[in-house]
Protein backbone atom coordinates (compact mmCIF):
# COMPACT_ATOMS: atom_id res chain seq x y z
CA MET A 1 -0.10 -0.54 29.24
CA THR A 2 -0.16 -0.83 25.48
CA ALA A 3 0.05 -3.82 23.03
CA PRO A 4 3.30 -4.08 21.32
CA TYR A 5 3.53 -3.32 17.58
CA THR A 6 0.35 -1.43 17.37
CA PRO A 7 0.51 1.63 14.99
CA GLN A 8 -2.54 3.03 16.95
CA HIS A 9 -0.27 3.84 19.83
CA ASN A 10 2.56 5.37 17.63
CA ARG A 11 1.94 8.99 16.53
CA LEU A 12 4.73 8.98 13.89
CA VAL A 13 3.43 5.85 12.24
CA GLU A 14 -0.17 7.22 12.42
CA ARG A 15 0.93 10.46 10.83
CA LYS A 16 2.70 8.63 8.00
CA ASN A 17 -0.35 6.35 7.49
CA MET A 18 -2.65 9.39 7.19
CA THR A 19 -0.17 11.24 4.79
CA LEU A 20 -0.13 8.10 2.69
CA LEU A 21 -3.78 7.87 2.51
CA ASP A 22 -4.04 11.47 1.65
CA MET A 23 -1.56 10.92 -1.21
CA VAL A 24 -3.46 7.88 -2.44
CA ASN A 25 -6.84 9.81 -2.35
CA ALA A 26 -5.30 12.82 -4.20
CA MET A 27 -3.65 10.59 -6.81
CA LEU A 28 -6.76 8.58 -7.59
CA LEU A 29 -8.93 11.60 -7.79
CA ASN A 30 -6.53 13.63 -9.88
CA ALA A 31 -5.99 10.76 -12.31
CA ASN A 32 -9.85 9.85 -12.54
CA LEU A 33 -8.88 6.25 -11.70
CA SER A 34 -11.08 3.51 -10.13
CA ASN A 35 -10.65 2.12 -6.65
CA ASN A 36 -9.43 -1.20 -7.88
CA LEU A 37 -5.99 0.50 -8.39
CA TRP A 38 -5.70 1.52 -4.87
CA GLY A 39 -2.94 -0.92 -3.90
CA GLU A 40 -0.71 0.12 -6.91
CA THR A 41 -1.34 3.71 -5.90
CA LEU A 42 -0.35 3.06 -2.18
CA PHE A 43 2.96 1.42 -3.42
CA THR A 44 3.63 4.54 -5.56
CA ALA A 45 2.63 7.00 -2.80
CA CYS A 46 4.99 5.06 -0.32
CA HIS A 47 7.86 5.14 -2.85
CA ILE A 48 7.44 8.91 -3.31
CA HIS A 49 7.19 9.71 0.44
CA ASN A 50 10.29 7.54 1.07
CA ARG A 51 12.35 9.35 -1.71
CA VAL A 52 11.47 12.88 -0.93
CA SER A 53 12.89 14.17 2.13
CA PHE A 54 11.12 16.91 4.10
CA LYS A 55 13.96 19.30 3.65
CA GLN A 56 14.14 18.77 -0.09
CA LEU A 57 10.30 19.43 -0.14
CA MET A 58 10.50 22.50 1.75
CA PHE A 59 13.25 23.77 -0.34
CA LEU A 60 11.17 23.16 -3.51
CA LEU A 61 8.07 24.85 -2.00
CA MET A 62 9.94 27.91 -0.98
CA LYS A 63 11.96 28.02 -4.35
CA HIS A 64 8.47 27.88 -6.07
CA GLU A 65 6.90 30.68 -3.90
CA ILE A 66 9.99 32.82 -4.59
CA VAL A 67 9.68 32.36 -8.35
CA GLU A 68 5.84 32.75 -8.26
CA ASN A 69 6.08 36.11 -6.35
CA GLN A 70 8.74 37.51 -8.93
CA ILE A 71 6.37 37.08 -11.75
């Protein structure tokens, strides 16, 4: 028996949370920002994650690999 509304018991939510945390850490490190902007960075990462579908992302990655291999 699990408690209702707990993300710890939902694999999809856990995966999205880990993806968002990875995106936030990457953004903060890449832009050399301090941790006090963590909340704004989380909102930005969530916005990007919700706007980019997996199919679009895979298409862009494959397109980039094809162009890169032709050069």
